[in-house]
PDB file of N, CA and C in Angstrom:
ATOM      1  N   MET A   1      36.245  29.398   8.445  1.00  0.00           N
ATOM      2  CA  MET A   1      34.921  28.847   8.233  1.00  0.00           C
ATOM      3  C   MET A   1      33.846  29.761   8.821  1.00  0.00           C
ATOM      4  N   ARG A   2      34.139  30.328   9.975  1.00  0.00           N
ATOM      5  CA  ARG A   2      33.177  31.226  10.626  1.00  0.00           C
ATOM      6  C   ARG A   2      32.923  32.462   9.764  1.00  0.00           C
ATOM      7  N   ASP A   3      33.949  32.963   9.079  1.00  0.00           N
ATOM      8  CA  ASP A   3      33.775  34.125   8.196  1.00  0.00           C
ATOM      9  C   ASP A   3      32.804  33.812   7.059  1.00  0.00           C
ATOM     10  N   VAL A   4      32.898  32.604   6.504  1.00  0.00           N
ATOM     11  CA  VAL A   4      31.996  32.188   5.433  1.00  0.00           C
ATOM     12  C   VAL A   4      30.568  32.120   5.959  1.00  0.00           C
ATOM     13  N   TYR A   5      30.388  31.533   7.123  1.00  0.00           N
ATOM     14  CA  TYR A   5      29.062  31.443   7.738  1.00  0.00           C
ATOM     15  C   TYR A   5      28.496  32.839   7.972  1.00  0.00           C
ATOM     16  N   ASN A   6      29.282  33.735   8.531  1.00  0.00           N
ATOM     17  CA  ASN A   6      28.815  35.101   8.798  1.00  0.00           C
ATOM     18  C   ASN A   6      28.447  35.835   7.516  1.00  0.00           C
ATOM     19  N   ALA A   7      29.221  35.641   6.467  1.00  0.00           N
ATOM     20  CA  ALA A   7      28.928  36.288   5.182  1.00  0.00           C
ATOM     21  C   ALA A   7      27.616  35.760   4.597  1.00  0.00           C
ATOM     22  N   ARG A   8      27.415  34.463   4.693  1.00  0.00           N
ATOM     23  CA  ARG A   8      26.157  33.877   4.186  1.00  0.00           C
ATOM     24  C   ARG A   8      24.959  34.402   4.966  1.00  0.00           C
ATOM     25  N   GLU A   9      25.071  34.495   6.273  1.00  0.00           N
ATOM     26  CA  GLU A   9      23.983  35.012   7.102  1.00  0.00           C
ATOM     27  C   GLU A   9      23.680  36.468   6.772  1.00  0.00           C
ATOM     28  N   LYS A  10      24.708  37.244   6.495  1.00  0.00           N
ATOM     29  CA  LYS A  10      24.525  38.653   6.141  1.00  0.00           C
ATOM     30  C   LYS A  10      23.735  38.776   4.837  1.00  0.00           C
ATOM     31  N   VAL A  11      24.059  37.941   3.854  1.00  0.00           N
ATOM     32  CA  VAL A  11      23.341  37.945   2.573  1.00  0.00           C
ATOM     33  C   VAL A  11      21.885  37.536   2.782  1.00  0.00           C
ATOM     34  N   LYS A  12      21.656  36.520   3.603  1.00  0.00           N
ATOM     35  CA  LYS A  12      20.290  36.076   3.885  1.00  0.00           C
ATOM     36  C   LYS A  12      19.476  37.177   4.548  1.00  0.00           C
ATOM     37  N   LEU A  13      20.061  37.859   5.524  1.00  0.00           N
ATOM     38  CA  LEU A  13      19.357  38.936   6.212  1.00  0.00           C
ATOM     39  C   LEU A  13      19.036  40.094   5.271  1.00  0.00           C
ATOM     40  N   GLN A  14      19.937  40.407   4.346  1.00  0.00           N
ATOM     41  CA  GLN A  14      19.670  41.459   3.370  1.00  0.00           C
ATOM     42  C   GLN A  14      18.516  41.075   2.455  1.00  0.00           C
ATOM     43  N   ALA A  15      18.445  39.797   2.095  1.00  0.00           N
ATOM     44  CA  ALA A  15      17.363  39.330   1.223  1.00  0.00           C
ATOM     45  C   ALA A  15      16.004  39.417   1.914  1.00  0.00           C
ATOM     46  N   LEU A  16      15.988  39.350   3.243  1.00  0.00           N
ATOM     47  CA  LEU A  16      14.728  39.440   3.979  1.00  0.00           C
ATOM     48  C   LEU A  16      14.146  40.850   3.958  1.00  0.00           C
ATOM     49  N   GLN A  17      14.973  41.843   3.698  1.00  0.00           N
ATOM     50  CA  GLN A  17      14.546  43.246   3.610  1.00  0.00           C
ATOM     51  C   GLN A  17      13.777  43.689   4.853  1.00  0.00           C
ATOM     52  N   GLY A  18      14.296  43.327   6.023  1.00  0.00           N
ATOM     53  CA  GLY A  18      13.695  43.758   7.274  1.00  0.00           C
ATOM     54  C   GLY A  18      12.520  42.922   7.750  1.00  0.00           C
ATOM     55  N   GLN A  19      12.123  41.912   6.995  1.00  0.00           N
ATOM     56  CA  GLN A  19      11.021  41.044   7.397  1.00  0.00           C
ATOM     57  C   GLN A  19      11.541  39.898   8.254  1.00  0.00           C
ATOM     58  N   SER A  20      10.650  39.327   9.043  1.00  0.00           N
ATOM     59  CA  SER A  20      11.013  38.096   9.732  1.00  0.00           C
ATOM     60  C   SER A  20      11.075  36.985   8.684  1.00  0.00           C
ATOM     61  N   ARG A  21      11.703  35.894   9.008  1.00  0.00           N
ATOM     62  CA  ARG A  21      11.817  34.788   8.053  1.00  0.00           C
ATOM     63  C   ARG A  21      10.454  34.204   7.705  1.00  0.00           C
ATOM     64  N   ILE A  22       9.565  34.119   8.690  1.00  0.00           N
ATOM     65  CA  ILE A  22       8.244  33.553   8.428  1.00  0.00           C
ATOM     66  C   ILE A  22       7.410  34.510   7.570  1.00  0.00           C
ATOM     67  N   GLN A  23       7.569  35.820   7.774  1.00  0.00           N
ATOM     68  CA  GLN A  23       6.850  36.796   6.951  1.00  0.00           C
ATOM     69  C   GLN A  23       7.373  36.758   5.515  1.00  0.00           C
ATOM     70  N   ALA A  24       8.682  36.575   5.343  1.00  0.00           N
ATOM     71  CA  ALA A  24       9.252  36.460   4.000  1.00  0.00           C
ATOM     72  C   ALA A  24       8.707  35.218   3.296  1.00  0.00           C
ATOM     73  N   LEU A  25       8.559  34.117   4.041  1.00  0.00           N
ATOM     74  CA  LEU A  25       7.979  32.901   3.466  1.00  0.00           C
ATOM     75  C   LEU A  25       6.545  33.164   3.025  1.00  0.00           C
ATOM     76  N   LEU A  26       5.763  33.826   3.858  1.00  0.00           N
ATOM     77  CA  LEU A  26       4.383  34.158   3.506  1.00  0.00           C
ATOM     78  C   LEU A  26       4.329  35.005   2.239  1.00  0.00           C
ATOM     79  N   ASN A  27       5.215  35.964   2.121  1.00  0.00           N
ATOM     80  CA  ASN A  27       5.257  36.797   0.911  1.00  0.00           C
ATOM     81  C   ASN A  27       5.625  35.977  -0.324  1.00  0.00           C
ATOM     82  N   GLN A  28       6.540  35.027  -0.184  1.00  0.00           N
ATOM     83  CA  GLN A  28       6.898  34.179  -1.317  1.00  0.00           C
ATOM     84  C   GLN A  28       5.719  33.306  -1.733  1.00  0.00           C
ATOM     85  N   LEU A  29       4.977  32.796  -0.766  1.00  0.00           N
ATOM     86  CA  LEU A  29       3.792  31.992  -1.086  1.00  0.00           C
ATOM     87  C   LEU A  29       2.755  32.829  -1.831  1.00  0.00           C
ATOM     88  N   GLU A  30       2.573  34.066  -1.405  1.00  0.00           N
ATOM     89  CA  GLU A  30       1.604  34.952  -2.047  1.00  0.00           C
ATOM     90  C   GLU A  30       1.989  35.276  -3.485  1.00  0.00           C
ATOM     91  N   ASN A  31       3.282  35.398  -3.747  1.00  0.00           N
ATOM     92  CA  ASN A  31       3.749  35.864  -5.055  1.00  0.00           C
ATOM     93  C   ASN A  31       4.154  34.754  -6.017  1.00  0.00           C
ATOM     94  N   ALA A  32       4.161  33.503  -5.593  1.00  0.00           N
ATOM     95  CA  ALA A  32       4.589  32.406  -6.465  1.00  0.00           C
ATOM     96  C   ALA A  32       3.492  32.074  -7.470  1.00  0.00           C
ATOM     97  N   LYS A  33       3.823  32.176  -8.743  1.00  0.00           N
ATOM     98  CA  LYS A  33       2.877  31.899  -9.825  1.00  0.00           C
ATOM     99  C   LYS A  33       3.515  30.914 -10.804  1.00  0.00           C
ATOM    100  N   ASP A  34       2.654  30.125 -11.471  1.00  0.00           N
ATOM    101  CA  ASP A  34       3.167  29.220 -12.498  1.00  0.00           C
ATOM    102  C   ASP A  34       3.264  29.959 -13.828  1.00  0.00           C
ATOM    103  N   GLU A  35       3.571  29.225 -14.898  1.00  0.00           N
ATOM    104  CA  GLU A  35       3.767  29.834 -16.209  1.00  0.00           C
ATOM    105  C   GLU A  35       2.500  30.529 -16.734  1.00  0.00           C
ATOM    106  N   ALA A  36       1.337  30.043 -16.317  1.00  0.00           N
ATOM    107  CA  ALA A  36       0.064  30.620 -16.759  1.00  0.00           C
ATOM    108  C   ALA A  36      -0.381  31.780 -15.865  1.00  0.00           C
ATOM    109  N   GLY A  37       0.425  32.108 -14.864  1.00  0.00           N
ATOM    110  CA  GLY A  37       0.084  33.195 -13.965  1.00  0.00           C
ATOM    111  C   GLY A  37      -0.832  32.798 -12.822  1.00  0.00           C
ATOM    112  N   GLU A  38      -1.045  31.499 -12.647  1.00  0.00           N
ATOM    113  CA  GLU A  38      -1.907  31.006 -11.573  1.00  0.00           C
ATOM    114  C   GLU A  38      -1.090  30.786 -10.301  1.00  0.00           C
ATOM    115  N   GLN A  39      -1.762  30.895  -9.157  1.00  0.00           N
ATOM    116  CA  GLN A  39      -1.116  30.628  -7.869  1.00  0.00           C
ATOM    117  C   GLN A  39      -0.559  29.211  -7.844  1.00  0.00           C
ATOM    118  N   LYS A  40       0.619  29.037  -7.242  1.00  0.00           N
ATOM    119  CA  LYS A  40       1.221  27.712  -7.093  1.00  0.00           C
ATOM    120  C   LYS A  40       0.919  27.092  -5.738  1.00  0.00           C
ATOM    121  N   TRP A  41       0.541  27.915  -4.767  1.00  0.00           N
ATOM    122  CA  TRP A  41       0.392  27.447  -3.400  1.00  0.00           C
ATOM    123  C   TRP A  41      -0.984  27.757  -2.844  1.00  0.00           C
ATOM    124  N   ASN A  42      -1.517  26.815  -2.113  1.00  0.00           N
ATOM    125  CA  ASN A  42      -2.698  27.040  -1.292  1.00  0.00           C
ATOM    126  C   ASN A  42      -2.145  27.348   0.096  1.00  0.00           C
ATOM    127  N   TYR A  43      -2.533  28.458   0.691  1.00  0.00           N
ATOM    128  CA  TYR A  43      -1.993  28.813   1.993  1.00  0.00           C
ATOM    129  C   TYR A  43      -3.034  29.573   2.799  1.00  0.00           C
ATOM    130  N   ASN A  44      -2.852  29.552   4.094  1.00  0.00           N
ATOM    131  CA  ASN A  44      -3.707  30.304   4.990  1.00  0.00           C
ATOM    132  C   ASN A  44      -2.861  30.695   6.185  1.00  0.00           C
ATOM    133  N   SER A  45      -3.036  31.902   6.666  1.00  0.00           N
ATOM    134  CA  SER A  45      -2.258  32.354   7.813  1.00  0.00           C
ATOM    135  C   SER A  45      -3.196  32.780   8.932  1.00  0.00           C
ATOM    136  N   ARG A  46      -2.666  32.748  10.130  1.00  0.00           N
ATOM    137  CA  ARG A  46      -3.403  33.182  11.312  1.00  0.00           C
ATOM    138  C   ARG A  46      -2.562  34.250  11.995  1.00  0.00           C
ATOM    139  N   LYS A  47      -3.224  35.346  12.396  1.00  0.00           N
ATOM    140  CA  LYS A  47      -2.509  36.444  13.049  1.00  0.00           C
ATOM    141  C   LYS A  47      -3.137  36.769  14.392  1.00  0.00           C
ATOM    142  N   ASN A  48      -2.310  37.264  15.288  1.00  0.00           N
ATOM    143  CA  ASN A  48      -2.772  37.743  16.579  1.00  0.00           C
ATOM    144  C   ASN A  48      -3.626  38.988  16.336  1.00  0.00           C
ATOM    145  N   LYS A  49      -4.842  39.010  16.858  1.00  0.00           N
ATOM    146  CA  LYS A  49      -5.763  40.127  16.618  1.00  0.00           C
ATOM    147  C   LYS A  49      -5.258  41.435  17.206  1.00  0.00           C
ATOM    148  N   GLU A  50      -4.547  41.364  18.300  1.00  0.00           N
ATOM    149  CA  GLU A  50      -4.080  42.575  18.965  1.00  0.00           C
ATOM    150  C   GLU A  50      -2.812  43.138  18.339  1.00  0.00           C
ATOM    151  N   THR A  51      -1.841  42.263  18.055  1.00  0.00           N
ATOM    152  CA  THR A  51      -0.533  42.742  17.588  1.00  0.00           C
ATOM    153  C   THR A  51      -0.347  42.616  16.078  1.00  0.00           C
ATOM    154  N   GLY A  52      -1.181  41.802  15.414  1.00  0.00           N
ATOM    155  CA  GLY A  52      -1.004  41.562  13.987  1.00  0.00           C
ATOM    156  C   GLY A  52       0.116  40.583  13.678  1.00  0.00           C
ATOM    157  N   GLU A  53       0.730  40.025  14.725  1.00  0.00           N
ATOM    158  CA  GLU A  53       1.843  39.089  14.555  1.00  0.00           C
ATOM    159  C   GLU A  53       1.342  37.760  13.999  1.00  0.00           C
ATOM    160  N   LEU A  54       2.088  37.200  13.071  1.00  0.00           N
ATOM    161  CA  LEU A  54       1.748  35.917  12.479  1.00  0.00           C
ATOM    162  C   LEU A  54       1.892  34.814  13.523  1.00  0.00           C
ATOM    163  N   THR A  55       0.832  34.022  13.737  1.00  0.00           N
ATOM    164  CA  THR A  55       0.875  32.961  14.740  1.00  0.00           C
ATOM    165  C   THR A  55       0.694  31.572  14.141  1.00  0.00           C
ATOM    166  N   GLY A  56       0.391  31.488  12.870  1.00  0.00           N
ATOM    167  CA  GLY A  56       0.241  30.190  12.224  1.00  0.00           C
ATOM    168  C   GLY A  56       0.280  30.335  10.722  1.00  0.00           C
ATOM    169  N   LEU A  57       0.824  29.334  10.057  1.00  0.00           N
ATOM    170  CA  LEU A  57       0.908  29.360   8.598  1.00  0.00           C
ATOM    171  C   LEU A  57       0.753  27.951   8.056  1.00  0.00           C
ATOM    172  N   PHE A  58      -0.273  27.742   7.232  1.00  0.00           N
ATOM    173  CA  PHE A  58      -0.517  26.481   6.535  1.00  0.00           C
ATOM    174  C   PHE A  58      -0.171  26.702   5.076  1.00  0.00           C
ATOM    175  N   PHE A  59       0.565  25.766   4.463  1.00  0.00           N
ATOM    176  CA  PHE A  59       0.787  25.880   3.020  1.00  0.00           C
ATOM    177  C   PHE A  59       0.917  24.509   2.382  1.00  0.00           C
ATOM    178  N   SER A  60       0.402  24.443   1.153  1.00  0.00           N
ATOM    179  CA  SER A  60       0.388  23.210   0.393  1.00  0.00           C
ATOM    180  C   SER A  60       0.486  23.560  -1.085  1.00  0.00           C
ATOM    181  N   HIS A  61       1.358  22.869  -1.810  1.00  0.00           N
ATOM    182  CA  HIS A  61       1.471  23.092  -3.247  1.00  0.00           C
ATOM    183  C   HIS A  61       0.195  22.585  -3.915  1.00  0.00           C
ATOM    184  N   LEU A  62      -0.278  23.294  -4.933  1.00  0.00           N
ATOM    185  CA  LEU A  62      -1.537  22.915  -5.562  1.00  0.00           C
ATOM    186  C   LEU A  62      -1.493  21.515  -6.179  1.00  0.00           C
ATOM    187  N   ARG A  63      -0.327  21.077  -6.642  1.00  0.00           N
ATOM    188  CA  ARG A  63      -0.212  19.722  -7.193  1.00  0.00           C
ATOM    189  C   ARG A  63      -0.383  18.654  -6.116  1.00  0.00           C
ATOM    190  N   SER A  64      -0.134  19.016  -4.866  1.00  0.00           N
ATOM    191  CA  SER A  64      -0.272  18.061  -3.769  1.00  0.00           C
ATOM    192  C   SER A  64      -1.704  17.577  -3.631  1.00  0.00           C
ATOM    193  N   ARG A  65      -2.650  18.452  -3.923  1.00  0.00           N
ATOM    194  CA  ARG A  65      -4.052  18.054  -3.807  1.00  0.00           C
ATOM    195  C   ARG A  65      -4.382  16.913  -4.770  1.00  0.00           C
ATOM    196  N   SER A  66      -3.930  17.019  -6.009  1.00  0.00           N
ATOM    197  CA  SER A  66      -4.226  15.957  -6.969  1.00  0.00           C
ATOM    198  C   SER A  66      -3.545  14.645  -6.564  1.00  0.00           C
ATOM    199  N   MET A  67      -2.352  14.739  -5.990  1.00  0.00           N
ATOM    200  CA  MET A  67      -1.680  13.531  -5.509  1.00  0.00           C
ATOM    201  C   MET A  67      -2.454  12.925  -4.338  1.00  0.00           C
ATOM    202  N   PHE A  68      -2.948  13.769  -3.434  1.00  0.00           N
ATOM    203  CA  PHE A  68      -3.697  13.278  -2.282  1.00  0.00           C
ATOM    204  C   PHE A  68      -5.014  12.645  -2.717  1.00  0.00           C
ATOM    205  N   VAL A  69      -5.681  13.230  -3.720  1.00  0.00           N
ATOM    206  CA  VAL A  69      -6.929  12.655  -4.232  1.00  0.00           C
ATOM    207  C   VAL A  69      -6.659  11.289  -4.853  1.00  0.00           C
ATOM    208  N   ARG A  70      -5.510  11.155  -5.505  1.00  0.00           N
ATOM    209  CA  ARG A  70      -5.169   9.886  -6.149  1.00  0.00           C
ATOM    210  C   ARG A  70      -4.731   8.815  -5.149  1.00  0.00           C
ATOM    211  N   TYR A  71      -4.026   9.234  -4.084  1.00  0.00           N
ATOM    212  CA  TYR A  71      -3.492   8.287  -3.092  1.00  0.00           C
ATOM    213  C   TYR A  71      -3.900   8.713  -1.677  1.00  0.00           C
ATOM    214  N   PRO A  72      -5.180   8.566  -1.312  1.00  0.00           N
ATOM    215  CA  PRO A  72      -5.613   9.019   0.017  1.00  0.00           C
ATOM    216  C   PRO A  72      -5.481   7.962   1.119  1.00  0.00           C
ATOM    217  N   GLU A  73      -5.041   6.761   0.786  1.00  0.00           N
ATOM    218  CA  GLU A  73      -5.087   5.653   1.733  1.00  0.00           C
ATOM    219  C   GLU A  73      -4.150   5.806   2.924  1.00  0.00           C
ATOM    220  N   VAL A  74      -2.914   6.276   2.688  1.00  0.00           N
ATOM    221  CA  VAL A  74      -1.936   6.361   3.766  1.00  0.00           C
ATOM    222  C   VAL A  74      -1.452   7.807   3.884  1.00  0.00           C
ATOM    223  N   VAL A  75      -1.658   8.367   5.066  1.00  0.00           N
ATOM    224  CA  VAL A  75      -1.210   9.731   5.345  1.00  0.00           C
ATOM    225  C   VAL A  75      -0.397   9.697   6.635  1.00  0.00           C
ATOM    226  N   HIS A  76       0.761  10.333   6.612  1.00  0.00           N
ATOM    227  CA  HIS A  76       1.642  10.408   7.783  1.00  0.00           C
ATOM    228  C   HIS A  76       1.640  11.850   8.279  1.00  0.00           C
ATOM    229  N   ILE A  77       1.428  12.018   9.555  1.00  0.00           N
ATOM    230  CA  ILE A  77       1.476  13.348  10.154  1.00  0.00           C
ATOM    231  C   ILE A  77       2.554  13.321  11.226  1.00  0.00           C
ATOM    232  N   ASP A  78       3.505  14.243  11.109  1.00  0.00           N
ATOM    233  CA  ASP A  78       4.615  14.284  12.049  1.00  0.00           C
ATOM    234  C   ASP A  78       4.747  15.692  12.590  1.00  0.00           C
ATOM    235  N   ALA A  79       4.769  15.815  13.875  1.00  0.00           N
ATOM    236  CA  ALA A  79       4.938  17.113  14.518  1.00  0.00           C
ATOM    237  C   ALA A  79       6.308  17.179  15.166  1.00  0.00           C
ATOM    238  N   THR A  80       7.042  18.238  14.857  1.00  0.00           N
ATOM    239  CA  THR A  80       8.315  18.491  15.514  1.00  0.00           C
ATOM    240  C   THR A  80       8.099  19.665  16.455  1.00  0.00           C
ATOM    241  N   TYR A  81       8.442  19.494  17.691  1.00  0.00           N
ATOM    242  CA  TYR A  81       8.201  20.541  18.673  1.00  0.00           C
ATOM    243  C   TYR A  81       9.489  21.230  19.078  1.00  0.00           C
ATOM    244  N   LYS A  82       9.615  22.469  18.671  1.00  0.00           N
ATOM    245  CA  LYS A  82      10.712  23.343  19.082  1.00  0.00           C
ATOM    246  C   LYS A  82      12.077  22.719  18.861  1.00  0.00           C
ATOM    247  N   VAL A  83      12.274  22.142  17.716  1.00  0.00           N
ATOM    248  CA  VAL A  83      13.570  21.535  17.430  1.00  0.00           C
ATOM    249  C   VAL A  83      14.413  22.390  16.504  1.00  0.00           C
ATOM    250  N   ASN A  84      13.836  23.403  15.880  1.00  0.00           N
ATOM    251  CA  ASN A  84      14.657  24.251  15.030  1.00  0.00           C
ATOM    252  C   ASN A  84      15.167  25.447  15.826  1.00  0.00           C
ATOM    253  N   ARG A  85      16.041  26.205  15.235  1.00  0.00           N
ATOM    254  CA  ARG A  85      16.676  27.292  15.994  1.00  0.00           C
ATOM    255  C   ARG A  85      15.730  28.448  16.283  1.00  0.00           C
ATOM    256  N   PHE A  86      14.551  28.461  15.659  1.00  0.00           N
ATOM    257  CA  PHE A  86      13.576  29.521  15.900  1.00  0.00           C
ATOM    258  C   PHE A  86      12.509  29.089  16.894  1.00  0.00           C
ATOM    259  N   ASN A  87      12.605  27.859  17.400  1.00  0.00           N
ATOM    260  CA  ASN A  87      11.618  27.309  18.330  1.00  0.00           C
ATOM    261  C   ASN A  87      10.205  27.383  17.767  1.00  0.00           C
ATOM    262  N   VAL A  88      10.073  27.073  16.486  1.00  0.00           N
ATOM    263  CA  VAL A  88       8.781  27.101  15.806  1.00  0.00           C
ATOM    264  C   VAL A  88       8.359  25.668  15.505  1.00  0.00           C
ATOM    265  N   PRO A  89       7.283  25.199  16.132  1.00  0.00           N
ATOM    266  CA  PRO A  89       6.813  23.842  15.834  1.00  0.00           C
ATOM    267  C   PRO A  89       6.362  23.721  14.378  1.00  0.00           C
ATOM    268  N   LEU A  90       6.659  22.593  13.772  1.00  0.00           N
ATOM    269  CA  LEU A  90       6.287  22.320  12.387  1.00  0.00           C
ATOM    270  C   LEU A  90       5.475  21.034  12.350  1.00  0.00           C
ATOM    271  N   LEU A  91       4.339  21.103  11.705  1.00  0.00           N
ATOM    272  CA  LEU A  91       3.517  19.920  11.468  1.00  0.00           C
ATOM    273  C   LEU A  91       3.652  19.587   9.985  1.00  0.00           C
ATOM    274  N   SER A  92       4.151  18.413   9.693  1.00  0.00           N
ATOM    275  CA  SER A  92       4.374  17.985   8.312  1.00  0.00           C
ATOM    276  C   SER A  92       3.399  16.860   7.980  1.00  0.00           C
ATOM    277  N   ILE A  93       2.725  16.975   6.844  1.00  0.00           N
ATOM    278  CA  ILE A  93       1.766  15.967   6.408  1.00  0.00           C
ATOM    279  C   ILE A  93       2.223  15.434   5.056  1.00  0.00           C
ATOM    280  N   VAL A  94       2.465  14.129   4.978  1.00  0.00           N
ATOM    281  CA  VAL A  94       2.898  13.498   3.729  1.00  0.00           C
ATOM    282  C   VAL A  94       1.994  12.313   3.422  1.00  0.00           C
ATOM    283  N   GLY A  95       1.935  11.985   2.147  1.00  0.00           N
ATOM    284  CA  GLY A  95       1.180  10.823   1.709  1.00  0.00           C
ATOM    285  C   GLY A  95       2.108   9.795   1.111  1.00  0.00           C
ATOM    286  N   THR A  96       1.594   8.583   0.927  1.00  0.00           N
ATOM    287  CA  THR A  96       2.366   7.498   0.336  1.00  0.00           C
ATOM    288  C   THR A  96       1.636   6.988  -0.900  1.00  0.00           C
ATOM    289  N   THR A  97       2.372   6.822  -1.985  1.00  0.00           N
ATOM    290  CA  THR A  97       1.785   6.328  -3.228  1.00  0.00           C
ATOM    291  C   THR A  97       1.699   4.803  -3.203  1.00  0.00           C
ATOM    292  N   GLY A  98       1.150   4.248  -4.261  1.00  0.00           N
ATOM    293  CA  GLY A  98       1.018   2.801  -4.371  1.00  0.00           C
ATOM    294  C   GLY A  98       2.338   2.076  -4.529  1.00  0.00           C
ATOM    295  N   VAL A  99       3.408   2.796  -4.873  1.00  0.00           N
ATOM    296  CA  VAL A  99       4.723   2.167  -5.027  1.00  0.00           C
ATOM    297  C   VAL A  99       5.675   2.585  -3.904  1.00  0.00           C
ATOM    298  N   ASN A 100       5.085   2.962  -2.759  1.00  0.00           N
ATOM    299  CA  ASN A 100       5.830   3.314  -1.549  1.00  0.00           C
ATOM    300  C   ASN A 100       6.763   4.504  -1.682  1.00  0.00           C
ATOM    301  N   THR A 101       6.409   5.478  -2.494  1.00  0.00           N
ATOM    302  CA  THR A 101       7.120   6.753  -2.494  1.00  0.00           C
ATOM    303  C   THR A 101       6.259   7.748  -1.741  1.00  0.00           C
ATOM    304  N   THR A 102       6.886   8.764  -1.175  1.00  0.00           N
ATOM    305  CA  THR A 102       6.136   9.750  -0.414  1.00  0.00           C
ATOM    306  C   THR A 102       6.059  11.066  -1.159  1.00  0.00           C
ATOM    307  N   PHE A 103       5.038  11.838  -0.845  1.00  0.00           N
ATOM    308  CA  PHE A 103       4.880  13.177  -1.405  1.00  0.00           C
ATOM    309  C   PHE A 103       4.374  14.091  -0.307  1.00  0.00           C
ATOM    310  N   GLN A 104       4.799  15.333  -0.368  1.00  0.00           N
ATOM    311  CA  GLN A 104       4.409  16.316   0.635  1.00  0.00           C
ATOM    312  C   GLN A 104       2.988  16.783   0.364  1.00  0.00           C
ATOM    313  N   ILE A 105       2.123  16.689   1.355  1.00  0.00           N
ATOM    314  CA  ILE A 105       0.755  17.184   1.225  1.00  0.00           C
ATOM    315  C   ILE A 105       0.683  18.616   1.729  1.00  0.00           C
ATOM    316  N   ALA A 106       1.164  18.856   2.930  1.00  0.00           N
ATOM    317  CA  ALA A 106       1.097  20.200   3.500  1.00  0.00           C
ATOM    318  C   ALA A 106       2.109  20.344   4.623  1.00  0.00           C
ATOM    319  N   SER A 107       2.403  21.609   4.950  1.00  0.00           N
ATOM    320  CA  SER A 107       3.230  21.944   6.103  1.00  0.00           C
ATOM    321  C   SER A 107       2.517  23.034   6.878  1.00  0.00           C
ATOM    322  N   ILE A 108       2.659  22.987   8.194  1.00  0.00           N
ATOM    323  CA  ILE A 108       2.003  23.968   9.038  1.00  0.00           C
ATOM    324  C   ILE A 108       2.998  24.430  10.095  1.00  0.00           C
ATOM    325  N   PHE A 109       3.270  25.742  10.125  1.00  0.00           N
ATOM    326  CA  PHE A 109       4.074  26.331  11.184  1.00  0.00           C
ATOM    327  C   PHE A 109       3.137  26.909  12.218  1.00  0.00           C
ATOM    328  N   LEU A 110       3.392  26.617  13.465  1.00  0.00           N
ATOM    329  CA  LEU A 110       2.597  27.163  14.571  1.00  0.00           C
ATOM    330  C   LEU A 110       3.509  28.078  15.362  1.00  0.00           C
ATOM    331  N   VAL A 111       3.397  29.355  15.084  1.00  0.00           N
ATOM    332  CA  VAL A 111       4.328  30.338  15.630  1.00  0.00           C
ATOM    333  C   VAL A 111       3.735  30.958  16.891  1.00  0.00           C
ATOM    334  N   GLY A 112       4.570  31.171  17.879  1.00  0.00           N
ATOM    335  CA  GLY A 112       4.153  31.895  19.074  1.00  0.00           C
ATOM    336  C   GLY A 112       3.144  31.132  19.903  1.00  0.00           C
ATOM    337  N   LYS A 113       2.361  31.877  20.680  1.00  0.00           N
ATOM    338  CA  LYS A 113       1.353  31.269  21.545  1.00  0.00           C
ATOM    339  C   LYS A 113       0.129  30.948  20.734  1.00  0.00           C
ATOM    340  N   HIS A 114      -0.450  29.745  20.952  1.00  0.00           N
ATOM    341  CA  HIS A 114      -1.627  29.337  20.201  1.00  0.00           C
ATOM    342  C   HIS A 114      -2.627  28.669  21.087  1.00  0.00           C
TER     343      HIS A 114
END
């Protein structure tokens, strides 16, 4: 089982092409386009002025905005603090529709010192 895990990790690291995982995510957000060639994601990043290191990343699918405009009454914000293996806090924002289903509004990674 450990050999399978190691092989999968090796493939993942090769796909990153020397980038950090968060930088690879930022690049995917920048390059994701729909069928009409339009951006799929609204995103904003924050970098350390001295080192250029990414210190924050906000992203939201463009369809999420229309869902939020339609169902703005109930919004849930949940912050997870250093629970993943990268010790990167994640702020997750979801909305609730009129039939009690949820949809993702936005996610925010707060990397490093802030």
